[in-house]
C-alpha atoms as a PDB file:
ATOM      1  CA  MET A   1      21.207 213.623 215.627  1.00  0.00           C
ATOM      2  CA  THR A   2      20.520 210.525 215.043  1.00  0.00           C
ATOM      3  CA  THR A   3      18.972 209.744 211.942  1.00  0.00           C
ATOM      4  CA  THR A   4      16.287 206.440 212.139  1.00  0.00           C
ATOM      5  CA  ARG A   5      15.371 203.846 208.807  1.00  0.00           C
ATOM      6  CA  ARG A   6      11.973 205.502 209.638  1.00  0.00           C
ATOM      7  CA  THR A   7      12.977 209.272 208.811  1.00  0.00           C
ATOM      8  CA  LEU A   8      14.631 208.221 206.228  1.00  0.00           C
ATOM      9  CA  PHE A   9      11.689 206.306 204.401  1.00  0.00           C
ATOM     10  CA  ALA A  10       9.190 209.607 204.942  1.00  0.00           C
ATOM     11  CA  ALA A  11      11.486 212.139 203.151  1.00  0.00           C
ATOM     12  CA  GLY A  12      12.168 208.958 200.690  1.00  0.00           C
ATOM     13  CA  LEU A  13       8.045 209.556 199.858  1.00  0.00           C
ATOM     14  CA  ALA A  14       7.634 212.858 200.560  1.00  0.00           C
ATOM     15  CA  ALA A  15       9.699 213.982 197.832  1.00  0.00           C
ATOM     16  CA  PRO A  16       8.343 212.587 195.457  1.00  0.00           C
ATOM     17  CA  ALA A  17       4.729 213.401 196.264  1.00  0.00           C
ATOM     18  CA  ALA A  18       6.534 217.821 196.258  1.00  0.00           C
ATOM     19  CA  ILE A  19       8.051 217.253 192.867  1.00  0.00           C
ATOM     20  CA  LEU A  20       4.798 215.987 191.481  1.00  0.00           C
ATOM     21  CA  ALA A  21       2.255 218.979 192.969  1.00  0.00           C
ATOM     22  CA  THR A  22       5.070 221.310 191.644  1.00  0.00           C
ATOM     23  CA  ARG A  23       4.666 219.802 188.400  1.00  0.00           C
ATOM     24  CA  ARG A  24       0.176 220.046 188.781  1.00  0.00           C
ATOM     25  CA  ALA A  25       0.753 223.103 189.818  1.00  0.00           C
ATOM     26  CA  GLU A  26       2.900 224.393 186.328  1.00  0.00           C
ATOM     27  CA  ALA A  27       0.781 221.891 184.612  1.00  0.00           C
ATOM     28  CA  GLN A  28      -1.822 224.825 185.229  1.00  0.00           C
ATOM     29  CA  THR A  29      -1.991 227.744 182.644  1.00  0.00           C
ATOM     30  CA  ARG A  30      -3.318 230.461 183.812  1.00  0.00           C
ATOM     31  CA  TRP A  31      -4.197 233.974 181.552  1.00  0.00           C
ATOM     32  CA  GLN A  32      -5.988 236.814 181.830  1.00  0.00           C
ATOM     33  CA  MET A  33      -8.793 238.456 180.068  1.00  0.00           C
ATOM     34  CA  ALA A  34      -9.353 242.181 179.892  1.00  0.00           C
ATOM     35  CA  SER A  35     -12.612 243.914 179.993  1.00  0.00           C
ATOM     36  CA  ALA A  36     -14.161 247.499 180.316  1.00  0.00           C
ATOM     37  CA  TYR A  37     -17.339 246.486 181.577  1.00  0.00           C
ATOM     38  CA  SER A  38     -18.937 246.377 185.627  1.00  0.00           C
ATOM     39  CA  ASP A  39     -19.787 243.511 187.381  1.00  0.00           C
ATOM     40  CA  ALA A  40     -22.936 243.983 187.554  1.00  0.00           C
ATOM     41  CA  ASN A  41     -23.555 244.809 183.555  1.00  0.00           C
ATOM     42  CA  PHE A  42     -24.586 241.365 182.565  1.00  0.00           C
ATOM     43  CA  PHE A  43     -22.194 241.255 179.872  1.00  0.00           C
ATOM     44  CA  THR A  44     -20.502 241.010 181.919  1.00  0.00           C
ATOM     45  CA  ARG A  45     -22.206 237.812 184.383  1.00  0.00           C
ATOM     46  CA  ASN A  46     -21.801 236.335 180.525  1.00  0.00           C
ATOM     47  CA  ILE A  47     -18.528 236.057 180.647  1.00  0.00           C
ATOM     48  CA  ARG A  48     -17.867 234.669 184.123  1.00  0.00           C
ATOM     49  CA  THR A  49     -19.652 232.001 183.348  1.00  0.00           C
ATOM     50  CA  PHE A  50     -17.864 231.505 180.171  1.00  0.00           C
ATOM     51  CA  LEU A  51     -14.529 231.356 182.292  1.00  0.00           C
ATOM     52  CA  GLU A  52     -16.102 229.170 184.780  1.00  0.00           C
ATOM     53  CA  GLU A  53     -17.147 226.669 181.952  1.00  0.00           C
ATOM     54  CA  ILE A  54     -13.096 226.293 180.742  1.00  0.00           C
ATOM     55  CA  GLN A  55     -12.156 225.988 184.118  1.00  0.00           C
ATOM     56  CA  SER A  56     -14.202 222.898 184.953  1.00  0.00           C
ATOM     57  CA  ALA A  57     -14.309 220.803 181.324  1.00  0.00           C
ATOM     58  CA  SER A  58     -10.374 221.543 181.479  1.00  0.00           C
ATOM     59  CA  GLY A  59     -10.401 219.975 184.675  1.00  0.00           C
ATOM     60  CA  GLY A  60      -8.957 222.814 186.334  1.00  0.00           C
ATOM     61  CA  GLN A  61      -6.136 222.674 184.366  1.00  0.00           C
ATOM     62  CA  LEU A  62      -6.691 226.291 182.245  1.00  0.00           C
ATOM     63  CA  ALA A  63      -7.428 229.206 184.641  1.00  0.00           C
ATOM     64  CA  ILE A  64      -8.632 232.269 183.024  1.00  0.00           C
ATOM     65  CA  GLN A  65      -8.641 235.807 185.486  1.00  0.00           C
ATOM     66  CA  LEU A  66     -10.907 238.268 184.287  1.00  0.00           C
ATOM     67  CA  HIS A  67     -10.472 242.263 185.341  1.00  0.00           C
ATOM     68  CA  SER A  68     -13.448 243.654 185.379  1.00  0.00           C
ATOM     69  CA  ASN A  69     -14.316 247.288 185.236  1.00  0.00           C
ATOM     70  CA  ALA A  70     -10.997 248.533 183.047  1.00  0.00           C
ATOM     71  CA  SER A  71      -9.160 247.353 186.246  1.00  0.00           C
ATOM     72  CA  LEU A  72      -6.567 246.102 184.071  1.00  0.00           C
ATOM     73  CA  LEU A  73      -6.960 247.580 180.399  1.00  0.00           C
ATOM     74  CA  PRO A  74      -9.220 251.096 179.473  1.00  0.00           C
ATOM     75  CA  MET A  75     -11.368 249.255 176.490  1.00  0.00           C
ATOM     76  CA  PRO A  76      -8.754 251.140 173.511  1.00  0.00           C
ATOM     77  CA  GLN A  77      -6.499 249.022 175.005  1.00  0.00           C
ATOM     78  CA  ILE A  78      -7.883 246.073 175.148  1.00  0.00           C
ATOM     79  CA  LYS A  79      -7.668 244.786 171.304  1.00  0.00           C
ATOM     80  CA  ARG A  80      -4.087 246.007 171.353  1.00  0.00           C
ATOM     81  CA  GLY A  81      -3.559 244.094 174.683  1.00  0.00           C
ATOM     82  CA  VAL A  82      -4.964 241.136 173.496  1.00  0.00           C
ATOM     83  CA  GLN A  83      -3.180 241.599 170.019  1.00  0.00           C
ATOM     84  CA  THR A  84       0.851 241.985 171.683  1.00  0.00           C
ATOM     85  CA  GLY A  85       0.430 239.457 174.342  1.00  0.00           C
ATOM     86  CA  GLN A  86      -0.656 241.479 177.344  1.00  0.00           C
ATOM     87  CA  VAL A  87      -3.444 239.476 178.120  1.00  0.00           C
ATOM     88  CA  GLN A  88      -4.720 236.626 176.567  1.00  0.00           C
ATOM     89  CA  LEU A  89      -8.442 237.375 175.961  1.00  0.00           C
ATOM     90  CA  GLY A  90     -10.399 240.496 175.952  1.00  0.00           C
ATOM     91  CA  GLU A  91     -13.588 242.042 175.366  1.00  0.00           C
ATOM     92  CA  ILE A  92     -14.419 244.729 173.444  1.00  0.00           C
ATOM     93  CA  LEU A  93     -17.458 246.854 171.763  1.00  0.00           C
ATOM     94  CA  LEU A  94     -16.771 246.466 167.975  1.00  0.00           C
ATOM     95  CA  THR A  95     -18.270 249.940 166.936  1.00  0.00           C
ATOM     96  CA  ALA A  96     -15.517 251.726 169.288  1.00  0.00           C
ATOM     97  CA  TYR A  97     -12.617 250.354 167.178  1.00  0.00           C
ATOM     98  CA  ALA A  98     -14.235 251.884 163.642  1.00  0.00           C
ATOM     99  CA  ASN A  99     -11.168 254.401 163.119  1.00  0.00           C
ATOM    100  CA  GLU A 100      -9.286 250.847 162.226  1.00  0.00           C
ATOM    101  CA  ASP A 101     -11.510 249.736 160.368  1.00  0.00           C
ATOM    102  CA  PRO A 102     -14.659 250.062 159.099  1.00  0.00           C
ATOM    103  CA  PHE A 103     -15.824 247.006 159.599  1.00  0.00           C
ATOM    104  CA  PHE A 104     -15.527 246.858 163.305  1.00  0.00           C
ATOM    105  CA  ASP A 105     -19.184 249.541 162.621  1.00  0.00           C
ATOM    106  CA  ALA A 106     -21.322 247.713 160.556  1.00  0.00           C
ATOM    107  CA  ASP A 107     -24.199 246.806 163.851  1.00  0.00           C
ATOM    108  CA  ALA A 108     -24.068 251.212 164.738  1.00  0.00           C
ATOM    109  CA  ILE A 109     -25.700 251.761 161.879  1.00  0.00           C
ATOM    110  CA  PRO A 110     -28.860 253.857 163.237  1.00  0.00           C
ATOM    111  CA  GLN A 111     -32.071 251.933 162.378  1.00  0.00           C
ATOM    112  CA  LEU A 112     -30.243 249.342 160.256  1.00  0.00           C
ATOM    113  CA  VAL A 113     -30.968 246.532 162.549  1.00  0.00           C
ATOM    114  CA  THR A 114     -34.243 247.165 165.580  1.00  0.00           C
ATOM    115  CA  THR A 115     -34.969 243.611 166.252  1.00  0.00           C
ATOM    116  CA  TYR A 116     -32.745 240.841 168.446  1.00  0.00           C
ATOM    117  CA  ALA A 117     -33.770 238.638 165.297  1.00  0.00           C
ATOM    118  CA  GLN A 118     -32.359 241.154 162.788  1.00  0.00           C
ATOM    119  CA  ALA A 119     -28.941 241.509 164.674  1.00  0.00           C
ATOM    120  CA  LYS A 120     -28.178 238.083 164.889  1.00  0.00           C
ATOM    121  CA  LYS A 121     -29.326 237.326 161.304  1.00  0.00           C
ATOM    122  CA  LEU A 122     -26.597 240.597 160.851  1.00  0.00           C
ATOM    123  CA  ALA A 123     -24.227 238.889 162.962  1.00  0.00           C
ATOM    124  CA  ASP A 124     -23.841 236.129 160.987  1.00  0.00           C
ATOM    125  CA  LEU A 125     -23.556 237.164 158.834  1.00  0.00           C
ATOM    126  CA  GLN A 126     -20.677 240.196 159.616  1.00  0.00           C
ATOM    127  CA  LYS A 127     -18.746 236.984 161.362  1.00  0.00           C
ATOM    128  CA  PRO A 128     -15.991 236.132 158.714  1.00  0.00           C
ATOM    129  CA  TYR A 129     -15.638 239.212 157.204  1.00  0.00           C
ATOM    130  CA  LEU A 130     -15.106 239.906 161.264  1.00  0.00           C
ATOM    131  CA  GLU A 131     -12.911 236.706 161.193  1.00  0.00           C
ATOM    132  CA  ALA A 132     -10.629 237.413 158.535  1.00  0.00           C
ATOM    133  CA  ARG A 133      -9.692 241.313 159.670  1.00  0.00           C
ATOM    134  CA  LEU A 134      -8.622 240.089 162.931  1.00  0.00           C
ATOM    135  CA  GLN A 135      -6.757 236.283 161.946  1.00  0.00           C
ATOM    136  CA  ARG A 136      -4.299 238.916 160.150  1.00  0.00           C
ATOM    137  CA  GLN A 137      -3.457 240.417 162.840  1.00  0.00           C
ATOM    138  CA  GLY A 138      -2.943 237.327 164.806  1.00  0.00           C
ATOM    139  CA  MET A 139      -6.621 237.327 167.094  1.00  0.00           C
ATOM    140  CA  MET A 140      -9.961 235.081 166.912  1.00  0.00           C
ATOM    141  CA  LEU A 141     -12.979 235.777 167.435  1.00  0.00           C
ATOM    142  CA  LEU A 142     -14.807 233.637 170.114  1.00  0.00           C
ATOM    143  CA  TYR A 143     -18.713 235.071 169.903  1.00  0.00           C
ATOM    144  CA  THR A 144     -20.273 238.304 169.811  1.00  0.00           C
ATOM    145  CA  VAL A 145     -23.072 239.698 171.836  1.00  0.00           C
ATOM    146  CA  PRO A 146     -25.552 242.443 170.774  1.00  0.00           C
ATOM    147  CA  TRP A 147     -26.329 244.890 173.218  1.00  0.00           C
ATOM    148  CA  PRO A 148     -29.894 246.140 173.388  1.00  0.00           C
ATOM    149  CA  PRO A 149     -31.042 248.106 171.153  1.00  0.00           C
ATOM    150  CA  ALA A 150     -30.384 252.102 171.949  1.00  0.00           C
ATOM    151  CA  GLY A 151     -32.907 254.713 172.849  1.00  0.00           C
ATOM    152  CA  LEU A 152     -33.286 258.810 172.757  1.00  0.00           C
ATOM    153  CA  TYR A 153     -31.911 260.279 176.013  1.00  0.00           C
ATOM    154  CA  ALA A 154     -32.872 264.303 176.640  1.00  0.00           C
ATOM    155  CA  GLN A 155     -34.686 266.195 178.755  1.00  0.00           C
ATOM    156  CA  GLN A 156     -37.522 267.301 176.629  1.00  0.00           C
ATOM    157  CA  PRO A 157     -39.363 264.432 174.572  1.00  0.00           C
ATOM    158  CA  ILE A 158     -38.315 264.531 170.746  1.00  0.00           C
ATOM    159  CA  THR A 159     -40.794 264.052 168.076  1.00  0.00           C
ATOM    160  CA  SER A 160     -38.607 264.954 165.403  1.00  0.00           C
ATOM    161  CA  ILE A 161     -35.206 265.219 164.544  1.00  0.00           C
ATOM    162  CA  GLU A 162     -34.915 268.954 164.070  1.00  0.00           C
ATOM    163  CA  GLN A 163     -35.466 269.259 167.782  1.00  0.00           C
ATOM    164  CA  LEU A 164     -31.985 267.962 168.118  1.00  0.00           C
ATOM    165  CA  ARG A 165     -30.352 271.174 166.118  1.00  0.00           C
ATOM    166  CA  GLY A 166     -27.980 272.699 166.848  1.00  0.00           C
ATOM    167  CA  SER A 167     -27.751 270.736 170.654  1.00  0.00           C
ATOM    168  CA  ARG A 168     -24.737 269.668 172.082  1.00  0.00           C
ATOM    169  CA  PHE A 169     -24.723 265.863 171.794  1.00  0.00           C
ATOM    170  CA  ARG A 170     -22.785 262.893 173.162  1.00  0.00           C
ATOM    171  CA  THR A 171     -20.429 260.846 170.929  1.00  0.00           C
ATOM    172  CA  TYR A 172     -18.418 257.243 171.671  1.00  0.00           C
ATOM    173  CA  SER A 173     -17.507 256.188 168.062  1.00  0.00           C
ATOM    174  CA  PRO A 174     -17.092 257.252 164.876  1.00  0.00           C
ATOM    175  CA  MET A 175     -20.822 256.629 163.668  1.00  0.00           C
ATOM    176  CA  THR A 176     -22.839 258.373 166.094  1.00  0.00           C
ATOM    177  CA  ASN A 177     -20.347 261.322 165.808  1.00  0.00           C
ATOM    178  CA  ARG A 178     -21.261 261.384 161.942  1.00  0.00           C
ATOM    179  CA  PHE A 179     -24.884 260.899 163.626  1.00  0.00           C
ATOM    180  CA  ALA A 180     -24.827 263.753 165.146  1.00  0.00           C
ATOM    181  CA  ALA A 181     -23.183 266.169 162.442  1.00  0.00           C
ATOM    182  CA  LEU A 182     -25.957 264.971 159.913  1.00  0.00           C
ATOM    183  CA  ILE A 183     -28.663 266.390 162.028  1.00  0.00           C
ATOM    184  CA  GLY A 184     -26.823 269.399 162.756  1.00  0.00           C
ATOM    185  CA  ALA A 185     -25.846 269.018 166.600  1.00  0.00           C
ATOM    186  CA  THR A 186     -22.402 269.396 167.383  1.00  0.00           C
ATOM    187  CA  PRO A 187     -20.479 266.065 168.525  1.00  0.00           C
ATOM    188  CA  THR A 188     -18.957 265.222 171.767  1.00  0.00           C
ATOM    189  CA  LEU A 189     -17.344 262.827 172.658  1.00  0.00           C
ATOM    190  CA  VAL A 190     -17.870 261.325 176.455  1.00  0.00           C
ATOM    191  CA  GLN A 191     -17.222 258.472 178.168  1.00  0.00           C
ATOM    192  CA  SER A 192     -19.764 256.463 180.419  1.00  0.00           C
ATOM    193  CA  ALA A 193     -18.307 257.402 183.768  1.00  0.00           C
ATOM    194  CA  GLU A 194     -18.717 261.073 182.756  1.00  0.00           C
ATOM    195  CA  LEU A 195     -21.942 261.402 181.386  1.00  0.00           C
ATOM    196  CA  ALA A 196     -24.025 263.251 185.323  1.00  0.00           C
ATOM    197  CA  GLN A 197     -20.886 265.401 185.336  1.00  0.00           C
ATOM    198  CA  ALA A 198     -21.337 265.951 181.301  1.00  0.00           C
ATOM    199  CA  PHE A 199     -25.344 266.596 181.649  1.00  0.00           C
ATOM    200  CA  ALA A 200     -25.256 268.292 184.726  1.00  0.00           C
ATOM    201  CA  THR A 201     -22.983 271.243 183.093  1.00  0.00           C
ATOM    202  CA  GLY A 202     -24.476 271.283 180.124  1.00  0.00           C
ATOM    203  CA  ILE A 203     -21.649 269.824 177.968  1.00  0.00           C
ATOM    204  CA  VAL A 204     -23.875 267.231 176.556  1.00  0.00           C
ATOM    205  CA  GLN A 205     -27.555 267.630 175.986  1.00  0.00           C
ATOM    206  CA  ALA A 206     -29.380 264.532 174.398  1.00  0.00           C
ATOM    207  CA  GLN A 207     -27.056 261.068 173.888  1.00  0.00           C
ATOM    208  CA  VAL A 208     -28.576 257.488 171.830  1.00  0.00           C
ATOM    209  CA  THR A 209     -27.528 254.834 174.377  1.00  0.00           C
ATOM    210  CA  SER A 210     -29.055 251.745 175.237  1.00  0.00           C
ATOM    211  CA  ALA A 211     -31.702 251.287 178.515  1.00  0.00           C
ATOM    212  CA  GLN A 212     -28.393 248.955 179.906  1.00  0.00           C
ATOM    213  CA  THR A 213     -26.064 251.898 179.763  1.00  0.00           C
ATOM    214  CA  GLY A 214     -29.007 254.359 180.898  1.00  0.00           C
ATOM    215  CA  VAL A 215     -29.172 251.953 183.943  1.00  0.00           C
ATOM    216  CA  ASP A 216     -25.539 251.585 184.647  1.00  0.00           C
ATOM    217  CA  THR A 217     -24.980 255.441 184.736  1.00  0.00           C
ATOM    218  CA  SER A 218     -27.947 256.445 186.818  1.00  0.00           C
ATOM    219  CA  ALA A 219     -29.307 257.889 184.146  1.00  0.00           C
ATOM    220  CA  TRP A 220     -32.146 259.354 186.145  1.00  0.00           C
ATOM    221  CA  ASP A 221     -29.696 261.925 187.495  1.00  0.00           C
ATOM    222  CA  TYR A 222     -29.068 263.804 184.408  1.00  0.00           C
ATOM    223  CA  ALA A 223     -31.691 263.082 182.100  1.00  0.00           C
ATOM    224  CA  ARG A 224     -36.157 263.654 182.101  1.00  0.00           C
ATOM    225  CA  VAL A 225     -36.717 261.138 178.710  1.00  0.00           C
ATOM    226  CA  PHE A 226     -36.425 258.299 177.724  1.00  0.00           C
ATOM    227  CA  THR A 227     -37.563 257.536 173.756  1.00  0.00           C
ATOM    228  CA  PRO A 228     -36.984 253.490 173.223  1.00  0.00           C
ATOM    229  CA  LEU A 229     -35.784 253.446 169.617  1.00  0.00           C
ATOM    230  CA  GLY A 230     -34.540 250.101 168.309  1.00  0.00           C
ATOM    231  CA  PHE A 231     -31.859 252.778 166.753  1.00  0.00           C
ATOM    232  CA  THR A 232     -28.646 250.455 166.831  1.00  0.00           C
ATOM    233  CA  GLN A 233     -27.617 247.191 168.644  1.00  0.00           C
ATOM    234  CA  THR A 234     -24.272 247.291 168.564  1.00  0.00           C
ATOM    235  CA  LYS A 235     -22.188 244.509 169.420  1.00  0.00           C
ATOM    236  CA  ASN A 236     -19.504 243.304 172.163  1.00  0.00           C
ATOM    237  CA  ALA A 237     -16.913 240.678 170.736  1.00  0.00           C
ATOM    238  CA  VAL A 238     -14.892 238.385 172.561  1.00  0.00           C
ATOM    239  CA  LEU A 239     -11.140 238.059 171.659  1.00  0.00           C
ATOM    240  CA  ILE A 240      -8.160 235.392 172.298  1.00  0.00           C
ATOM    241  CA  SER A 241      -5.168 235.534 171.044  1.00  0.00           C
ATOM    242  CA  ARG A 242      -4.819 233.017 168.012  1.00  0.00           C
ATOM    243  CA  ARG A 243      -0.949 232.250 169.756  1.00  0.00           C
ATOM    244  CA  ALA A 244      -1.901 231.515 173.402  1.00  0.00           C
ATOM    245  CA  PHE A 245      -4.916 229.409 172.050  1.00  0.00           C
ATOM    246  CA  ASP A 246      -2.648 227.595 169.308  1.00  0.00           C
ATOM    247  CA  GLY A 247      -0.337 226.556 172.287  1.00  0.00           C
ATOM    248  CA  LEU A 248      -2.929 224.846 174.077  1.00  0.00           C
ATOM    249  CA  PRO A 249      -4.105 220.810 174.143  1.00  0.00           C
ATOM    250  CA  ALA A 250      -7.048 220.274 171.276  1.00  0.00           C
ATOM    251  CA  ASN A 251      -9.231 218.993 174.849  1.00  0.00           C
ATOM    252  CA  GLN A 252      -9.117 222.927 175.900  1.00  0.00           C
ATOM    253  CA  ARG A 253      -8.929 224.216 172.514  1.00  0.00           C
ATOM    254  CA  THR A 254     -12.170 222.572 172.579  1.00  0.00           C
ATOM    255  CA  ALA A 255     -13.737 223.519 176.044  1.00  0.00           C
ATOM    256  CA  ILE A 256     -13.156 226.957 174.562  1.00  0.00           C
ATOM    257  CA  THR A 257     -15.265 227.058 171.654  1.00  0.00           C
ATOM    258  CA  GLU A 258     -18.086 225.107 173.126  1.00  0.00           C
ATOM    259  CA  ALA A 259     -18.429 227.293 175.869  1.00  0.00           C
ATOM    260  CA  ALA A 260     -17.932 230.184 173.586  1.00  0.00           C
ATOM    261  CA  ALA A 261     -20.798 229.236 171.296  1.00  0.00           C
ATOM    262  CA  ARG A 262     -22.682 228.837 174.755  1.00  0.00           C
ATOM    263  CA  ALA A 263     -22.083 231.861 175.494  1.00  0.00           C
ATOM    264  CA  GLU A 264     -23.007 233.315 172.479  1.00  0.00           C
ATOM    265  CA  THR A 265     -26.582 231.496 172.613  1.00  0.00           C
ATOM    266  CA  ARG A 266     -27.029 232.629 177.004  1.00  0.00           C
ATOM    267  CA  GLY A 267     -25.514 236.439 175.809  1.00  0.00           C
ATOM    268  CA  TYR A 268     -28.564 237.336 173.345  1.00  0.00           C
ATOM    269  CA  GLU A 269     -31.144 235.515 175.825  1.00  0.00           C
ATOM    270  CA  LEU A 270     -29.835 237.556 179.071  1.00  0.00           C
ATOM    271  CA  SER A 271     -29.472 240.601 176.208  1.00  0.00           C
ATOM    272  CA  GLU A 272     -33.484 240.391 175.753  1.00  0.00           C
ATOM    273  CA  GLN A 273     -33.566 240.106 179.387  1.00  0.00           C
ATOM    274  CA  ALA A 274     -31.903 243.340 180.137  1.00  0.00           C
ATOM    275  CA  THR A 275     -33.900 245.157 177.493  1.00  0.00           C
ATOM    276  CA  ALA A 276     -37.030 245.047 178.849  1.00  0.00           C
ATOM    277  CA  THR A 277     -35.860 244.681 182.749  1.00  0.00           C
ATOM    278  CA  THR A 278     -33.582 247.832 182.290  1.00  0.00           C
ATOM    279  CA  GLN A 279     -35.818 249.839 180.913  1.00  0.00           C
ATOM    280  CA  ARG A 280     -38.528 249.416 184.066  1.00  0.00           C
ATOM    281  CA  THR A 281     -35.763 250.558 185.738  1.00  0.00           C
ATOM    282  CA  LEU A 282     -35.287 253.915 183.821  1.00  0.00           C
ATOM    283  CA  GLY A 283     -39.450 254.528 184.847  1.00  0.00           C
ATOM    284  CA  GLU A 284     -39.339 253.292 187.837  1.00  0.00           C
ATOM    285  CA  ARG A 285     -36.999 255.829 188.834  1.00  0.00           C
ATOM    286  CA  GLY A 286     -38.795 258.633 187.592  1.00  0.00           C
ATOM    287  CA  MET A 287     -37.440 259.059 183.592  1.00  0.00           C
ATOM    288  CA  GLN A 288     -40.540 259.462 181.148  1.00  0.00           C
ATOM    289  CA  ILE A 289     -40.808 256.725 178.856  1.00  0.00           C
ATOM    290  CA  VAL A 290     -42.091 258.442 175.665  1.00  0.00           C
ATOM    291  CA  PRO A 291     -42.885 256.132 172.574  1.00  0.00           C
ATOM    292  CA  PRO A 292     -41.157 257.988 168.925  1.00  0.00           C
ATOM    293  CA  THR A 293     -43.554 259.786 166.582  1.00  0.00           C
ATOM    294  CA  GLU A 294     -44.287 258.757 163.359  1.00  0.00           C
ATOM    295  CA  GLN A 295     -41.981 261.605 162.000  1.00  0.00           C
ATOM    296  CA  LEU A 296     -38.756 261.068 164.882  1.00  0.00           C
ATOM    297  CA  LEU A 297     -38.653 257.462 162.957  1.00  0.00           C
ATOM    298  CA  ALA A 298     -39.059 258.414 159.365  1.00  0.00           C
ATOM    299  CA  ASP A 299     -36.367 261.197 159.862  1.00  0.00           C
ATOM    300  CA  LEU A 300     -34.342 258.549 161.321  1.00  0.00           C
ATOM    301  CA  ARG A 301     -34.917 256.124 158.358  1.00  0.00           C
ATOM    302  CA  ARG A 302     -33.925 259.137 155.999  1.00  0.00           C
ATOM    303  CA  ILE A 303     -30.333 259.754 157.588  1.00  0.00           C
ATOM    304  CA  SER A 304     -29.883 255.937 158.222  1.00  0.00           C
ATOM    305  CA  ALA A 305     -30.354 255.471 154.219  1.00  0.00           C
ATOM    306  CA  THR A 306     -27.780 257.720 154.069  1.00  0.00           C
ATOM    307  CA  MET A 307     -25.461 256.983 156.626  1.00  0.00           C
ATOM    308  CA  THR A 308     -25.202 253.132 154.968  1.00  0.00           C
ATOM    309  CA  GLU A 309     -24.371 253.954 151.798  1.00  0.00           C
ATOM    310  CA  GLU A 310     -21.651 255.791 152.938  1.00  0.00           C
ATOM    311  CA  TRP A 311     -20.763 253.218 154.985  1.00  0.00           C
ATOM    312  CA  ILE A 312     -20.595 250.832 152.009  1.00  0.00           C
ATOM    313  CA  GLN A 313     -18.370 253.619 150.135  1.00  0.00           C
ATOM    314  CA  ARG A 314     -15.974 253.143 152.661  1.00  0.00           C
ATOM    315  CA  THR A 315     -15.949 249.184 153.151  1.00  0.00           C
ATOM    316  CA  GLY A 316     -16.085 248.561 149.840  1.00  0.00           C
ATOM    317  CA  GLU A 317     -16.854 245.649 147.527  1.00  0.00           C
ATOM    318  CA  ASP A 318     -16.856 243.563 151.362  1.00  0.00           C
ATOM    319  CA  GLY A 319     -19.381 245.917 152.453  1.00  0.00           C
ATOM    320  CA  ARG A 320     -21.947 246.066 149.840  1.00  0.00           C
ATOM    321  CA  ARG A 321     -22.287 242.118 149.762  1.00  0.00           C
ATOM    322  CA  LEU A 322     -22.476 242.315 153.803  1.00  0.00           C
ATOM    323  CA  ILE A 323     -25.835 244.627 153.063  1.00  0.00           C
ATOM    324  CA  GLU A 324     -27.368 242.423 150.054  1.00  0.00           C
ATOM    325  CA  ALA A 325     -26.881 239.208 152.062  1.00  0.00           C
ATOM    326  CA  TYR A 326     -28.484 241.066 155.084  1.00  0.00           C
ATOM    327  CA  ARG A 327     -31.072 242.529 152.995  1.00  0.00           C
ATOM    328  CA  ALA A 328     -32.240 239.555 151.244  1.00  0.00           C
END
């Protein structure tokens, strides 16, 4: 076969184009992010917008793939996954890691936070303490968003804490475990995915969690009554590997931090919206929505005082300073 000048010329043009395309592909940074929550959950929807904004602001040079619904890592392994570089970003429920550091549990003290304004105040005060702890572990806190206020799920209206004495109470964190013990119930660790079976078989008889979790787990299939308490507003935190972050160009680091600030603001708005819509859904699906009695609220305040002081004892001077600043 005879090679013509035209063929050689075309090949000469094609080679640099192919090299350029390869270099562009190599220039794109591809990261992984792990979350334990479903795609329908507002936390996940917020994260998807956050990641889209980063990719857009970076001109497509930073692409982050979200693995939701614990499809890559289960919740207990996500923080460690970010620390070790298995993933570059992860979303965790802070209180789930309280055995590692009780400071992750500040927002899980019952009745300490009962409104979104209080939740934001506590989060802002808690942030520098969290940042310092995560920095020592090679991570950076990008943003936090609170869950809708937790309420009580049971098979009948609960008018006082005494009614829960002797019951099998579902727990999912050290704080809920301690709460169950203080009210004289039997703490029983059950993950969200197992709630329906646990209630149906009598493994648990009551729990405190948000209306969002109730909708996510079809609570109307296993509980009859929901009492909105403002029990807690625990937070999810989005973390990033410090090493991965520092390795990015300045414009991409800026894209991440600016998108994170927007995600936090948007997350609070989504959480407030979810509070109304998910509680309404519980009622529409047949659950009784029963306001708390004054006796029940008084009982919870008494337990809150005990658990707050216990938390301060565990966290030392940092914890005392945080609570004093929050109460000021």
